[in-house]
Amino acid sequence: MTAFDHEELGRLIAALRPVPAGWVRAAQELPAARLAIEGIVSRAVADAAYRDRVVADLESALAEEGIEPTPAVLDELRDRFISD
């Protein structure tokens, strides 16, 4: 492994292209989405009626939490409910 000093690392990082705006936005939104997903899953585990509503209409459950029902988020919830 090659050792670089801070100045060389700075030059190398500065030479990189900027990341796409969508990546930045996703990184900013991800922590809140993960918390909301955990909240939905926790409530669904504790309340069978709520779980039935969530499983029947994931998009509405996410909308109630203020989360955009992207394919990745929907897949995450489906995976969580299948594994429970």
N, C-alpha and C. Protein backbone atom coordinates (compact mmCIF):
# COMPACT_ATOMS: atom_id res chain seq x y z
N MET A 1 0.85 -1.18 0.00
CA MET A 1 0.00 0.00 0.00
C MET A 1 0.88 1.23 0.00
N THR A 2 0.52 2.20 -0.80
CA THR A 2 1.31 3.42 -0.93
C THR A 2 0.83 4.43 0.11
N ALA A 3 1.77 5.08 0.76
CA ALA A 3 1.42 6.11 1.74
C ALA A 3 1.37 7.47 1.04
N PHE A 4 0.35 8.24 1.31
CA PHE A 4 0.21 9.58 0.75
C PHE A 4 0.17 10.58 1.89
N ASP A 5 0.73 11.77 1.64
CA ASP A 5 0.61 12.81 2.65
C ASP A 5 -0.72 13.54 2.43
N HIS A 6 -1.06 14.40 3.35
CA HIS A 6 -2.36 15.09 3.29
C HIS A 6 -2.51 15.94 2.02
N GLU A 7 -1.45 16.59 1.61
CA GLU A 7 -1.55 17.43 0.41
C GLU A 7 -1.80 16.59 -0.83
N GLU A 8 -1.12 15.45 -0.95
CA GLU A 8 -1.32 14.59 -2.11
C GLU A 8 -2.74 14.02 -2.10
N LEU A 9 -3.23 13.62 -0.93
CA LEU A 9 -4.61 13.13 -0.83
C LEU A 9 -5.59 14.22 -1.23
N GLY A 10 -5.35 15.44 -0.80
CA GLY A 10 -6.21 16.57 -1.16
C GLY A 10 -6.25 16.78 -2.66
N ARG A 11 -5.09 16.70 -3.32
CA ARG A 11 -5.04 16.85 -4.78
C ARG A 11 -5.80 15.71 -5.47
N LEU A 12 -5.62 14.51 -4.98
CA LEU A 12 -6.31 13.37 -5.59
C LEU A 12 -7.83 13.49 -5.43
N ILE A 13 -8.27 13.88 -4.26
CA ILE A 13 -9.71 14.04 -4.02
C ILE A 13 -10.27 15.17 -4.87
N ALA A 14 -9.54 16.27 -4.98
CA ALA A 14 -9.99 17.41 -5.78
C ALA A 14 -10.12 17.03 -7.26
N ALA A 15 -9.35 16.06 -7.71
CA ALA A 15 -9.39 15.65 -9.12
C ALA A 15 -10.62 14.80 -9.45
N LEU A 16 -11.28 14.28 -8.44
CA LEU A 16 -12.46 13.46 -8.67
C LEU A 16 -13.62 14.30 -9.19
N ARG A 17 -14.45 13.68 -10.02
CA ARG A 17 -15.66 14.37 -10.48
C ARG A 17 -16.65 14.46 -9.32
N PRO A 18 -17.49 15.48 -9.31
CA PRO A 18 -18.51 15.57 -8.26
C PRO A 18 -19.48 14.38 -8.36
N VAL A 19 -20.00 13.98 -7.23
CA VAL A 19 -20.97 12.89 -7.24
C VAL A 19 -22.30 13.41 -7.77
N PRO A 20 -23.11 12.54 -8.34
CA PRO A 20 -24.42 12.98 -8.83
C PRO A 20 -25.28 13.54 -7.69
N ALA A 21 -26.09 14.53 -8.02
CA ALA A 21 -26.95 15.17 -7.02
C ALA A 21 -27.88 14.16 -6.34
N GLY A 22 -28.33 13.18 -7.09
CA GLY A 22 -29.21 12.16 -6.52
C GLY A 22 -28.53 11.37 -5.42
N TRP A 23 -27.24 11.13 -5.54
CA TRP A 23 -26.49 10.42 -4.51
C TRP A 23 -26.44 11.25 -3.23
N VAL A 24 -26.20 12.55 -3.40
CA VAL A 24 -26.13 13.44 -2.24
C VAL A 24 -27.49 13.47 -1.54
N ARG A 25 -28.54 13.64 -2.32
CA ARG A 25 -29.89 13.70 -1.76
C ARG A 25 -30.24 12.40 -1.03
N ALA A 26 -29.91 11.27 -1.64
CA ALA A 26 -30.19 9.97 -1.02
C ALA A 26 -29.43 9.83 0.29
N ALA A 27 -28.18 10.25 0.31
CA ALA A 27 -27.37 10.15 1.53
C ALA A 27 -27.95 11.03 2.63
N GLN A 28 -28.51 12.17 2.27
CA GLN A 28 -29.12 13.05 3.26
C GLN A 28 -30.43 12.50 3.79
N GLU A 29 -31.18 11.83 2.95
CA GLU A 29 -32.51 11.32 3.33
C GLU A 29 -32.45 9.94 3.99
N LEU A 30 -31.40 9.21 3.76
CA LEU A 30 -31.33 7.83 4.23
C LEU A 30 -31.49 7.65 5.74
N PRO A 31 -30.83 8.44 6.58
CA PRO A 31 -30.99 8.22 8.03
C PRO A 31 -32.44 8.36 8.50
N ALA A 32 -33.14 9.36 8.03
CA ALA A 32 -34.54 9.55 8.43
C ALA A 32 -35.41 8.42 7.89
N ALA A 33 -35.14 7.99 6.67
CA ALA A 33 -35.92 6.90 6.10
C ALA A 33 -35.70 5.61 6.88
N ARG A 34 -34.46 5.34 7.27
CA ARG A 34 -34.17 4.13 8.04
C ARG A 34 -34.90 4.15 9.38
N LEU A 35 -34.91 5.31 10.05
CA LEU A 35 -35.64 5.42 11.32
C LEU A 35 -37.13 5.18 11.13
N ALA A 36 -37.68 5.75 10.09
CA ALA A 36 -39.10 5.58 9.83
C ALA A 36 -39.42 4.13 9.50
N ILE A 37 -38.56 3.49 8.71
CA ILE A 37 -38.76 2.07 8.39
C ILE A 37 -38.73 1.24 9.65
N GLU A 38 -37.77 1.50 10.52
CA GLU A 38 -37.69 0.78 11.79
C GLU A 38 -38.95 0.99 12.62
N GLY A 39 -39.47 2.23 12.61
CA GLY A 39 -40.70 2.51 13.35
C GLY A 39 -41.88 1.75 12.80
N ILE A 40 -41.98 1.70 11.47
CA ILE A 40 -43.07 0.95 10.85
C ILE A 40 -42.96 -0.52 11.20
N VAL A 41 -41.76 -1.08 11.10
CA VAL A 41 -41.57 -2.50 11.39
C VAL A 41 -41.87 -2.79 12.86
N SER A 42 -41.39 -1.93 13.76
CA SER A 42 -41.63 -2.14 15.20
C SER A 42 -43.12 -2.12 15.52
N ARG A 43 -43.84 -1.14 14.96
CA ARG A 43 -45.29 -1.08 15.21
C ARG A 43 -46.00 -2.28 14.61
N ALA A 44 -45.55 -2.72 13.43
CA ALA A 44 -46.18 -3.87 12.78
C ALA A 44 -45.96 -5.15 13.57
N VAL A 45 -44.80 -5.27 14.20
CA VAL A 45 -44.54 -6.45 15.03
C VAL A 45 -45.44 -6.44 16.26
N ALA A 46 -45.67 -5.26 16.82
CA ALA A 46 -46.45 -5.15 18.05
C ALA A 46 -47.96 -5.15 17.81
N ASP A 47 -48.40 -4.79 16.61
CA ASP A 47 -49.83 -4.61 16.34
C ASP A 47 -50.20 -5.32 15.04
N ALA A 48 -50.86 -6.46 15.16
CA ALA A 48 -51.20 -7.28 13.99
C ALA A 48 -52.11 -6.54 13.02
N ALA A 49 -53.04 -5.75 13.53
CA ALA A 49 -53.95 -5.01 12.65
C ALA A 49 -53.17 -3.98 11.83
N TYR A 50 -52.24 -3.29 12.49
CA TYR A 50 -51.41 -2.32 11.78
C TYR A 50 -50.57 -3.04 10.72
N ARG A 51 -50.01 -4.18 11.10
CA ARG A 51 -49.20 -4.96 10.14
C ARG A 51 -50.03 -5.33 8.92
N ASP A 52 -51.25 -5.78 9.13
CA ASP A 52 -52.11 -6.14 8.01
C ASP A 52 -52.33 -4.94 7.08
N ARG A 53 -52.55 -3.75 7.67
CA ARG A 53 -52.75 -2.54 6.87
C ARG A 53 -51.49 -2.19 6.09
N VAL A 54 -50.33 -2.30 6.76
CA VAL A 54 -49.07 -1.96 6.10
C VAL A 54 -48.78 -2.93 4.96
N VAL A 55 -48.93 -4.21 5.22
CA VAL A 55 -48.65 -5.21 4.18
C VAL A 55 -49.60 -5.03 3.01
N ALA A 56 -50.84 -4.68 3.29
CA ALA A 56 -51.83 -4.50 2.23
C ALA A 56 -51.54 -3.27 1.37
N ASP A 57 -50.93 -2.22 1.96
CA ASP A 57 -50.70 -0.98 1.22
C ASP A 57 -49.45 -0.28 1.76
N LEU A 58 -48.29 -0.77 1.33
CA LEU A 58 -47.03 -0.18 1.80
C LEU A 58 -46.90 1.29 1.42
N GLU A 59 -47.35 1.64 0.22
CA GLU A 59 -47.23 3.03 -0.23
C GLU A 59 -47.93 4.00 0.71
N SER A 60 -49.14 3.64 1.14
CA SER A 60 -49.88 4.51 2.06
C SER A 60 -49.20 4.60 3.42
N ALA A 61 -48.68 3.48 3.90
CA ALA A 61 -47.98 3.49 5.18
C ALA A 61 -46.78 4.41 5.13
N LEU A 62 -46.05 4.38 4.03
CA LEU A 62 -44.90 5.27 3.88
C LEU A 62 -45.33 6.72 3.76
N ALA A 63 -46.40 6.96 3.00
CA ALA A 63 -46.89 8.33 2.85
C ALA A 63 -47.30 8.92 4.19
N GLU A 64 -47.90 8.11 5.06
CA GLU A 64 -48.28 8.58 6.40
C GLU A 64 -47.05 8.99 7.21
N GLU A 65 -45.90 8.38 6.91
CA GLU A 65 -44.66 8.71 7.61
C GLU A 65 -43.87 9.80 6.90
N GLY A 66 -44.39 10.25 5.75
CA GLY A 66 -43.69 11.29 4.99
C GLY A 66 -42.50 10.77 4.22
N ILE A 67 -42.52 9.49 3.87
CA ILE A 67 -41.42 8.88 3.14
C ILE A 67 -41.87 8.58 1.72
N GLU A 68 -41.05 8.95 0.75
CA GLU A 68 -41.36 8.65 -0.63
C GLU A 68 -41.24 7.14 -0.84
N PRO A 69 -42.25 6.52 -1.40
CA PRO A 69 -42.21 5.06 -1.59
C PRO A 69 -41.38 4.66 -2.81
N THR A 70 -40.08 4.86 -2.70
CA THR A 70 -39.19 4.48 -3.80
C THR A 70 -39.09 2.96 -3.87
N PRO A 71 -38.69 2.43 -5.01
CA PRO A 71 -38.53 0.98 -5.11
C PRO A 71 -37.60 0.40 -4.04
N ALA A 72 -36.53 1.11 -3.72
CA ALA A 72 -35.59 0.60 -2.71
C ALA A 72 -36.24 0.53 -1.33
N VAL A 73 -37.00 1.54 -0.97
CA VAL A 73 -37.67 1.55 0.34
C VAL A 73 -38.74 0.47 0.39
N LEU A 74 -39.52 0.35 -0.68
CA LEU A 74 -40.56 -0.69 -0.73
C LEU A 74 -39.93 -2.09 -0.62
N ASP A 75 -38.83 -2.29 -1.35
CA ASP A 75 -38.15 -3.59 -1.28
C ASP A 75 -37.65 -3.87 0.13
N GLU A 76 -37.10 -2.85 0.79
CA GLU A 76 -36.60 -3.02 2.16
C GLU A 76 -37.73 -3.46 3.10
N LEU A 77 -38.87 -2.79 3.00
CA LEU A 77 -39.99 -3.16 3.86
C LEU A 77 -40.52 -4.55 3.52
N ARG A 78 -40.64 -4.84 2.25
CA ARG A 78 -41.11 -6.19 1.87
C ARG A 78 -40.18 -7.26 2.42
N ASP A 79 -38.88 -7.03 2.28
CA ASP A 79 -37.89 -7.98 2.81
C ASP A 79 -38.03 -8.15 4.31
N ARG A 80 -38.23 -7.04 5.00
CA ARG A 80 -38.35 -7.09 6.46
C ARG A 80 -39.59 -7.87 6.89
N PHE A 81 -40.69 -7.68 6.19
CA PHE A 81 -41.92 -8.37 6.57
C PHE A 81 -41.87 -9.85 6.19
N ILE A 82 -41.19 -10.17 5.12
CA ILE A 82 -41.05 -11.56 4.73
C ILE A 82 -40.16 -12.30 5.73
N SER A 83 -39.10 -11.62 6.21
CA SER A 83 -38.16 -12.29 7.13
C SER A 83 -38.70 -12.39 8.55
N ASP A 84 -39.69 -11.59 8.91
CA ASP A 84 -40.24 -11.63 10.28
C ASP A 84 -41.14 -12.80 10.49
